Amino acid sequence: PKDIAPAVMQLIEDPSNNAAWVKMTEYPTSTVKFAEI
């Protein structure tokens, strides 16, 4: 659980308005790219 919290703090401070971030083991935090039709 303590591994998730820092990413959430970064997400709060990120300038985007509606981002979705993925946090997994052994991978850097990444942004979900949605298809825009």
All heavy atoms as atom14 arrays in JSON, in Angstrom:
{
  "sequence": "PKDIAPAVMQLIEDPSNNAAWVKMTEYPTSTVKFAEI",
  "atom14_mask": [
    [1, 1, 1, 1, 1, 1, 1, 0, 0, 0, 0, 0, 0, 0],
    [1, 1, 1, 1, 1, 1, 1, 1, 1, 0, 0, 0, 0, 0],
    [1, 1, 1, 1, 1, 1, 1, 1, 0, 0, 0, 0, 0, 0],
    [1, 1, 1, 1, 1, 1, 1, 1, 0, 0, 0, 0, 0, 0],
    [1, 1, 1, 1, 1, 0, 0, 0, 0, 0, 0, 0, 0, 0],
    [1, 1, 1, 1, 1, 1, 1, 0, 0, 0, 0, 0, 0, 0],
    [1, 1, 1, 1, 1, 0, 0, 0, 0, 0, 0, 0, 0, 0],
    [1, 1, 1, 1, 1, 1, 1, 0, 0, 0, 0, 0, 0, 0],
    [1, 1, 1, 1, 1, 1, 1, 1, 0, 0, 0, 0, 0, 0],
    [1, 1, 1, 1, 1, 1, 1, 1, 1, 0, 0, 0, 0, 0],
    [1, 1, 1, 1, 1, 1, 1, 1, 0, 0, 0, 0, 0, 0],
    [1, 1, 1, 1, 1, 1, 1, 1, 0, 0, 0, 0, 0, 0],
    [1, 1, 1, 1, 1, 1, 1, 1, 1, 0, 0, 0, 0, 0],
    [1, 1, 1, 1, 1, 1, 1, 1, 0, 0, 0, 0, 0, 0],
    [1, 1, 1, 1, 1, 1, 1, 0, 0, 0, 0, 0, 0, 0],
    [1, 1, 1, 1, 1, 1, 0, 0, 0, 0, 0, 0, 0, 0],
    [1, 1, 1, 1, 1, 1, 1, 1, 0, 0, 0, 0, 0, 0],
    [1, 1, 1, 1, 1, 1, 1, 1, 0, 0, 0, 0, 0, 0],
    [1, 1, 1, 1, 1, 0, 0, 0, 0, 0, 0, 0, 0, 0],
    [1, 1, 1, 1, 1, 0, 0, 0, 0, 0, 0, 0, 0, 0],
    [1, 1, 1, 1, 1, 1, 1, 1, 1, 1, 1, 1, 1, 1],
    [1, 1, 1, 1, 1, 1, 1, 0, 0, 0, 0, 0, 0, 0],
    [1, 1, 1, 1, 1, 1, 1, 1, 1, 0, 0, 0, 0, 0],
    [1, 1, 1, 1, 1, 1, 1, 1, 0, 0, 0, 0, 0, 0],
    [1, 1, 1, 1, 1, 1, 1, 0, 0, 0, 0, 0, 0, 0],
    [1, 1, 1, 1, 1, 1, 1, 1, 1, 0, 0, 0, 0, 0],
    [1, 1, 1, 1, 1, 1, 1, 1, 1, 1, 1, 1, 0, 0],
    [1, 1, 1, 1, 1, 1, 1, 0, 0, 0, 0, 0, 0, 0],
    [1, 1, 1, 1, 1, 1, 1, 0, 0, 0, 0, 0, 0, 0],
    [1, 1, 1, 1, 1, 1, 0, 0, 0, 0, 0, 0, 0, 0],
    [1, 1, 1, 1, 1, 1, 1, 0, 0, 0, 0, 0, 0, 0],
    [1, 1, 1, 1, 1, 1, 1, 0, 0, 0, 0, 0, 0, 0],
    [1, 1, 1, 1, 1, 1, 1, 1, 1, 0, 0, 0, 0, 0],
    [1, 1, 1, 1, 1, 1, 1, 1, 1, 1, 1, 0, 0, 0],
    [1, 1, 1, 1, 1, 0, 0, 0, 0, 0, 0, 0, 0, 0],
    [1, 1, 1, 1, 1, 1, 1, 1, 1, 0, 0, 0, 0, 0],
    [1, 1, 1, 1, 1, 1, 1, 1, 0, 0, 0, 0, 0, 0]
  ],
  "atom14_positions": [
    [[0.81, -1.23, 0.0], [0.0, 0.0, 0.0], [0.83, 1.26, 0.0], [0.47, 2.26, -0.65], [-0.82, -0.14, 1.29], [-0.98, -1.62, 1.46], [0.34, -2.19, 1.02], [0.0, 0.0, 0.0], [0.0, 0.0, 0.0], [0.0, 0.0, 0.0], [0.0, 0.0, 0.0], [0.0, 0.0, 0.0], [0.0, 0.0, 0.0], [0.0, 0.0, 0.0]],
    [[1.96, 1.24, 0.7], [2.81, 2.43, 0.77], [3.44, 2.76, -0.58], [3.93, 3.89, -0.78], [3.91, 2.24, 1.82], [4.9, 1.13, 1.5], [5.92, 0.97, 2.6], [6.91, -0.16, 2.27], [7.92, -0.33, 3.35], [0.0, 0.0, 0.0], [0.0, 0.0, 0.0], [0.0, 0.0, 0.0], [0.0, 0.0, 0.0], [0.0, 0.0, 0.0]],
    [[3.45, 1.79, -1.52], [4.01, 2.04, -2.84], [3.05, 2.83, -3.72], [3.47, 3.47, -4.69], [4.35, 0.72, -3.55], [5.39, -0.1, -2.8], [6.28, 0.51, -2.19], [5.3, -1.34, -2.82], [0.0, 0.0, 0.0], [0.0, 0.0, 0.0], [0.0, 0.0, 0.0], [0.0, 0.0, 0.0], [0.0, 0.0, 0.0], [0.0, 0.0, 0.0]],
    [[1.76, 2.76, -3.42], [0.74, 3.44, -4.22], [0.64, 4.91, -3.85], [0.46, 5.78, -4.71], [-0.63, 2.76, -4.02], [-0.58, 1.3, -4.52], [-1.73, 3.53, -4.75], [-0.33, 1.18, -6.0], [0.0, 0.0, 0.0], [0.0, 0.0, 0.0], [0.0, 0.0, 0.0], [0.0, 0.0, 0.0], [0.0, 0.0, 0.0], [0.0, 0.0, 0.0]],
    [[0.75, 5.21, -2.56], [0.49, 6.57, -2.07], [1.34, 7.64, -2.75], [0.8, 8.69, -3.12], [0.66, 6.61, -0.55], [0.0, 0.0, 0.0], [0.0, 0.0, 0.0], [0.0, 0.0, 0.0], [0.0, 0.0, 0.0], [0.0, 0.0, 0.0], [0.0, 0.0, 0.0], [0.0, 0.0, 0.0], [0.0, 0.0, 0.0], [0.0, 0.0, 0.0]],
    [[2.66, 7.46, -2.93], [3.43, 8.52, -3.59], [2.95, 8.82, -5.01], [2.96, 9.99, -5.43], [4.87, 7.96, -3.59], [4.89, 7.0, -2.45], [3.54, 6.37, -2.44], [0.0, 0.0, 0.0], [0.0, 0.0, 0.0], [0.0, 0.0, 0.0], [0.0, 0.0, 0.0], [0.0, 0.0, 0.0], [0.0, 0.0, 0.0], [0.0, 0.0, 0.0]],
    [[2.52, 7.79, -5.74], [2.01, 8.01, -7.1], [0.72, 8.83, -7.05], [0.48, 9.69, -7.91], [1.77, 6.68, -7.8], [0.0, 0.0, 0.0], [0.0, 0.0, 0.0], [0.0, 0.0, 0.0], [0.0, 0.0, 0.0], [0.0, 0.0, 0.0], [0.0, 0.0, 0.0], [0.0, 0.0, 0.0], [0.0, 0.0, 0.0], [0.0, 0.0, 0.0]],
    [[-0.12, 8.59, -6.04], [-1.35, 9.36, -5.91], [-1.04, 10.82, -5.58], [-1.67, 11.74, -6.1], [-2.28, 8.75, -4.84], [-3.51, 9.62, -4.63], [-2.69, 7.34, -5.25], [0.0, 0.0, 0.0], [0.0, 0.0, 0.0], [0.0, 0.0, 0.0], [0.0, 0.0, 0.0], [0.0, 0.0, 0.0], [0.0, 0.0, 0.0], [0.0, 0.0, 0.0]],
    [[-0.02, 11.04, -4.73], [0.37, 12.42, -4.42], [0.84, 13.14, -5.69], [0.51, 14.31, -5.92], [1.49, 12.43, -3.38], [1.14, 11.78, -2.04], [-0.32, 12.44, -1.19], [-1.48, 11.06, -1.42], [0.0, 0.0, 0.0], [0.0, 0.0, 0.0], [0.0, 0.0, 0.0], [0.0, 0.0, 0.0], [0.0, 0.0, 0.0], [0.0, 0.0, 0.0]],
    [[1.59, 12.44, -6.53], [2.05, 13.02, -7.8], [0.86, 13.3, -8.72], [0.84, 14.32, -9.41], [3.02, 12.07, -8.5], [4.34, 11.9, -7.77], [5.22, 10.83, -8.39], [5.02, 10.43, -9.54], [6.19, 10.36, -7.64], [0.0, 0.0, 0.0], [0.0, 0.0, 0.0], [0.0, 0.0, 0.0], [0.0, 0.0, 0.0], [0.0, 0.0, 0.0]],
    [[-0.12, 12.4, -8.71], [-1.3, 12.57, -9.56], [-2.1, 13.8, -9.13], [-2.63, 14.54, -9.96], [-2.16, 11.31, -9.51], [-3.41, 11.27, -10.4], [-3.06, 11.51, -11.86], [-4.12, 9.93, -10.24], [0.0, 0.0, 0.0], [0.0, 0.0, 0.0], [0.0, 0.0, 0.0], [0.0, 0.0, 0.0], [0.0, 0.0, 0.0], [0.0, 0.0, 0.0]],
    [[-2.19, 14.01, -7.81], [-2.89, 15.2, -7.31], [-2.21, 16.47, -7.83], [-2.87, 17.42, -8.24], [-2.91, 15.21, -5.77], [-3.81, 14.08, -5.24], [-3.4, 16.57, -5.23], [-3.72, 13.88, -3.74], [0.0, 0.0, 0.0], [0.0, 0.0, 0.0], [0.0, 0.0, 0.0], [0.0, 0.0, 0.0], [0.0, 0.0, 0.0], [0.0, 0.0, 0.0]],
    [[-0.88, 16.46, -7.84], [-0.13, 17.65, -8.21], [0.1, 17.76, -9.72], [0.57, 18.8, -10.2], [1.21, 17.65, -7.48], [1.04, 17.76, -5.95], [2.35, 17.67, -5.2], [3.28, 17.02, -5.71], [2.43, 18.25, -4.09], [0.0, 0.0, 0.0], [0.0, 0.0, 0.0], [0.0, 0.0, 0.0], [0.0, 0.0, 0.0], [0.0, 0.0, 0.0]],
    [[-0.26, 16.73, -10.47], [-0.09, 16.76, -11.92], [-1.05, 17.77, -12.54], [-2.18, 17.91, -12.1], [-0.37, 15.36, -12.49], [-0.09, 15.27, -13.98], [1.07, 15.12, -14.34], [-1.06, 15.37, -14.75], [0.0, 0.0, 0.0], [0.0, 0.0, 0.0], [0.0, 0.0, 0.0], [0.0, 0.0, 0.0], [0.0, 0.0, 0.0], [0.0, 0.0, 0.0]],
    [[-0.62, 18.5, -13.59], [-1.46, 19.55, -14.16], [-2.66, 19.07, -14.98], [-3.51, 19.87, -15.35], [-0.49, 20.34, -15.04], [0.59, 19.36, -15.39], [0.73, 18.5, -14.17], [0.0, 0.0, 0.0], [0.0, 0.0, 0.0], [0.0, 0.0, 0.0], [0.0, 0.0, 0.0], [0.0, 0.0, 0.0], [0.0, 0.0, 0.0], [0.0, 0.0, 0.0]],
    [[-2.76, 17.78, -15.27], [-3.88, 17.29, -16.08], [-5.19, 17.37, -15.3], [-5.21, 17.38, -14.07], [-3.63, 15.85, -16.52], [-3.45, 15.02, -15.38], [0.0, 0.0, 0.0], [0.0, 0.0, 0.0], [0.0, 0.0, 0.0], [0.0, 0.0, 0.0], [0.0, 0.0, 0.0], [0.0, 0.0, 0.0], [0.0, 0.0, 0.0], [0.0, 0.0, 0.0]],
    [[-6.29, 17.42, -16.03], [-7.6, 17.56, -15.42], [-8.34, 16.24, -15.26], [-9.26, 16.14, -14.45], [-8.48, 18.5, -16.25], [-7.88, 19.87, -16.37], [-7.2, 20.33, -15.47], [-8.12, 20.53, -17.49], [0.0, 0.0, 0.0], [0.0, 0.0, 0.0], [0.0, 0.0, 0.0], [0.0, 0.0, 0.0], [0.0, 0.0, 0.0], [0.0, 0.0, 0.0]],
    [[-7.99, 15.22, -16.07], [-8.76, 13.97, -16.03], [-7.9, 12.76, -16.4], [-8.32, 11.89, -17.13], [-9.97, 14.05, -16.96], [-9.57, 14.3, -18.42], [-8.42, 14.62, -18.7], [-10.52, 14.17, -19.33], [0.0, 0.0, 0.0], [0.0, 0.0, 0.0], [0.0, 0.0, 0.0], [0.0, 0.0, 0.0], [0.0, 0.0, 0.0], [0.0, 0.0, 0.0]],
    [[-6.68, 12.71, -15.86], [-5.77, 11.61, -16.18], [-6.16, 10.32, -15.46], [-6.8, 10.34, -14.42], [-4.34, 11.99, -15.81], [0.0, 0.0, 0.0], [0.0, 0.0, 0.0], [0.0, 0.0, 0.0], [0.0, 0.0, 0.0], [0.0, 0.0, 0.0], [0.0, 0.0, 0.0], [0.0, 0.0, 0.0], [0.0, 0.0, 0.0], [0.0, 0.0, 0.0]],
    [[-5.76, 9.2, -16.05], [-5.85, 7.89, -15.39], [-4.44, 7.31, -15.4], [-3.85, 7.12, -16.47], [-6.81, 6.97, -16.11], [0.0, 0.0, 0.0], [0.0, 0.0, 0.0], [0.0, 0.0, 0.0], [0.0, 0.0, 0.0], [0.0, 0.0, 0.0], [0.0, 0.0, 0.0], [0.0, 0.0, 0.0], [0.0, 0.0, 0.0], [0.0, 0.0, 0.0]],
    [[-3.89, 7.07, -14.22], [-2.53, 6.56, -14.12], [-2.53, 5.1, -13.67], [-3.34, 4.7, -12.82], [-1.73, 7.37, -13.1], [-1.27, 8.71, -13.61], [-1.65, 9.34, -14.76], [-0.35, 9.58, -12.96], [-1.03, 10.56, -14.86], [-0.23, 10.73, -13.78], [0.37, 9.52, -11.77], [0.59, 11.8, -13.44], [1.2, 10.57, -11.42], [1.32, 11.7, -12.25]],
    [[-1.62, 4.32, -14.23], [-1.44, 2.91, -13.86], [-0.15, 2.77, -13.06], [0.9, 3.28, -13.46], [-1.38, 2.01, -15.11], [-0.99, 0.58, -14.72], [-2.72, 2.01, -15.83], [0.0, 0.0, 0.0], [0.0, 0.0, 0.0], [0.0, 0.0, 0.0], [0.0, 0.0, 0.0], [0.0, 0.0, 0.0], [0.0, 0.0, 0.0], [0.0, 0.0, 0.0]],
    [[-0.23, 2.07, -11.93], [0.94, 1.82, -11.1], [1.05, 0.32, -10.86], [0.17, -0.3, -10.27], [0.81, 2.54, -9.76], [1.93, 2.26, -8.78], [3.27, 2.8, -9.28], [4.37, 2.58, -8.25], [5.69, 3.0, -8.75], [0.0, 0.0, 0.0], [0.0, 0.0, 0.0], [0.0, 0.0, 0.0], [0.0, 0.0, 0.0], [0.0, 0.0, 0.0]],
    [[2.14, -0.28, -11.38], [2.38, -1.71, -11.23], [3.79, -1.96, -10.74], [4.64, -1.07, -10.79], [2.16, -2.43, -12.58], [0.75, -2.32, -13.12], [0.57, -3.06, -14.76], [0.97, -4.78, -14.41], [0.0, 0.0, 0.0], [0.0, 0.0, 0.0], [0.0, 0.0, 0.0], [0.0, 0.0, 0.0], [0.0, 0.0, 0.0], [0.0, 0.0, 0.0]],
    [[4.04, -3.17, -10.26], [5.37, -3.53, -9.81], [6.34, -3.53, -10.98], [5.98, -3.9, -12.11], [5.39, -4.92, -9.16], [4.85, -5.86, -10.1], [4.56, -4.95, -7.9], [0.0, 0.0, 0.0], [0.0, 0.0, 0.0], [0.0, 0.0, 0.0], [0.0, 0.0, 0.0], [0.0, 0.0, 0.0], [0.0, 0.0, 0.0], [0.0, 0.0, 0.0]],
    [[7.56, -3.11, -10.73], [8.67, -3.18, -11.68], [8.47, -2.31, -12.91], [9.24, -2.4, -13.87], [8.94, -4.63, -12.11], [9.27, -5.55, -10.94], [9.47, -6.98, -11.39], [9.36, -7.25, -12.6], [9.74, -7.83, -10.53], [0.0, 0.0, 0.0], [0.0, 0.0, 0.0], [0.0, 0.0, 0.0], [0.0, 0.0, 0.0], [0.0, 0.0, 0.0]],
    [[7.42, -1.51, -12.94], [7.18, -0.62, -14.08], [7.0, 0.81, -13.57], [6.42, 1.03, -12.5], [5.92, -1.04, -14.84], [6.02, -2.39, -15.5], [5.54, -3.53, -14.85], [6.59, -2.54, -16.76], [5.62, -4.78, -15.45], [6.67, -3.78, -17.36], [6.19, -4.9, -16.7], [6.28, -6.14, -17.29], [0.0, 0.0, 0.0], [0.0, 0.0, 0.0]],
    [[7.45, 1.78, -14.33], [7.19, 3.17, -13.93], [5.71, 3.49, -14.06], [5.0, 2.86, -14.84], [8.03, 3.99, -14.93], [8.17, 3.1, -16.12], [8.24, 1.7, -15.59], [0.0, 0.0, 0.0], [0.0, 0.0, 0.0], [0.0, 0.0, 0.0], [0.0, 0.0, 0.0], [0.0, 0.0, 0.0], [0.0, 0.0, 0.0], [0.0, 0.0, 0.0]],
    [[5.25, 4.44, -13.28], [3.86, 4.86, -13.38], [3.6, 5.37, -14.79], [4.39, 6.11, -15.36], [3.57, 5.99, -12.37], [3.88, 5.5, -11.06], [2.11, 6.4, -12.41], [0.0, 0.0, 0.0], [0.0, 0.0, 0.0], [0.0, 0.0, 0.0], [0.0, 0.0, 0.0], [0.0, 0.0, 0.0], [0.0, 0.0, 0.0], [0.0, 0.0, 0.0]],
    [[2.5, 4.94, -15.38], [2.2, 5.3, -16.77], [0.79, 5.85, -16.89], [-0.05, 5.65, -16.01], [2.37, 4.09, -17.69], [1.54, 3.02, -17.26], [0.0, 0.0, 0.0], [0.0, 0.0, 0.0], [0.0, 0.0, 0.0], [0.0, 0.0, 0.0], [0.0, 0.0, 0.0], [0.0, 0.0, 0.0], [0.0, 0.0, 0.0], [0.0, 0.0, 0.0]],
    [[0.51, 6.54, -17.99], [-0.79, 7.15, -18.24], [-1.59, 6.28, -19.2], [-1.07, 5.79, -20.2], [-0.62, 8.55, -18.86], [0.14, 9.35, -17.95], [-1.96, 9.21, -19.12], [0.0, 0.0, 0.0], [0.0, 0.0, 0.0], [0.0, 0.0, 0.0], [0.0, 0.0, 0.0], [0.0, 0.0, 0.0], [0.0, 0.0, 0.0], [0.0, 0.0, 0.0]],
    [[-2.87, 6.08, -18.88], [-3.75, 5.35, -19.77], [-4.09, 6.23, -20.98], [-4.46, 7.39, -20.83], [-5.06, 4.95, -19.05], [-6.02, 4.26, -20.02], [-4.77, 4.04, -17.87], [0.0, 0.0, 0.0], [0.0, 0.0, 0.0], [0.0, 0.0, 0.0], [0.0, 0.0, 0.0], [0.0, 0.0, 0.0], [0.0, 0.0, 0.0], [0.0, 0.0, 0.0]],
    [[-3.93, 5.68, -22.16], [-4.27, 6.39, -23.39], [-5.61, 5.87, -23.9], [-5.73, 4.71, -24.29], [-3.18, 6.17, -24.46], [-1.8, 6.66, -24.06], [-1.76, 8.18, -23.9], [-0.34, 8.65, -23.62], [-0.28, 10.12, -23.42], [0.0, 0.0, 0.0], [0.0, 0.0, 0.0], [0.0, 0.0, 0.0], [0.0, 0.0, 0.0], [0.0, 0.0, 0.0]],
    [[-6.62, 6.72, -23.86], [-7.95, 6.32, -24.31], [-8.12, 6.61, -25.8], [-7.62, 7.61, -26.31], [-9.02, 7.09, -23.54], [-9.06, 6.77, -22.07], [-8.46, 7.62, -21.15], [-9.69, 5.62, -21.61], [-8.5, 7.34, -19.8], [-9.73, 5.32, -20.26], [-9.13, 6.18, -19.35], [0.0, 0.0, 0.0], [0.0, 0.0, 0.0], [0.0, 0.0, 0.0]],
    [[-8.83, 5.71, -26.49], [-9.17, 5.96, -27.89], [-10.23, 7.04, -27.94], [-11.21, 7.01, -27.2], [-9.69, 4.68, -28.55], [0.0, 0.0, 0.0], [0.0, 0.0, 0.0], [0.0, 0.0, 0.0], [0.0, 0.0, 0.0], [0.0, 0.0, 0.0], [0.0, 0.0, 0.0], [0.0, 0.0, 0.0], [0.0, 0.0, 0.0], [0.0, 0.0, 0.0]],
    [[-10.02, 8.02, -28.79], [-10.99, 9.11, -28.95], [-11.61, 9.01, -30.33], [-10.96, 9.24, -31.35], [-10.3, 10.46, -28.76], [-9.77, 10.65, -27.35], [-9.23, 12.04, -27.11], [-9.26, 12.85, -28.07], [-8.76, 12.32, -25.99], [0.0, 0.0, 0.0], [0.0, 0.0, 0.0], [0.0, 0.0, 0.0], [0.0, 0.0, 0.0], [0.0, 0.0, 0.0]],
    [[-12.88, 8.63, -30.36], [-13.59, 8.42, -31.62], [-14.32, 9.71, -31.98], [-15.18, 10.17, -31.23], [-14.59, 7.26, -31.5], [-13.87, 5.97, -31.08], [-15.34, 7.06, -32.82], [-14.8, 4.82, -30.79], [0.0, 0.0, 0.0], [0.0, 0.0, 0.0], [0.0, 0.0, 0.0], [0.0, 0.0, 0.0], [0.0, 0.0, 0.0], [0.0, 0.0, 0.0]]
  ]
}
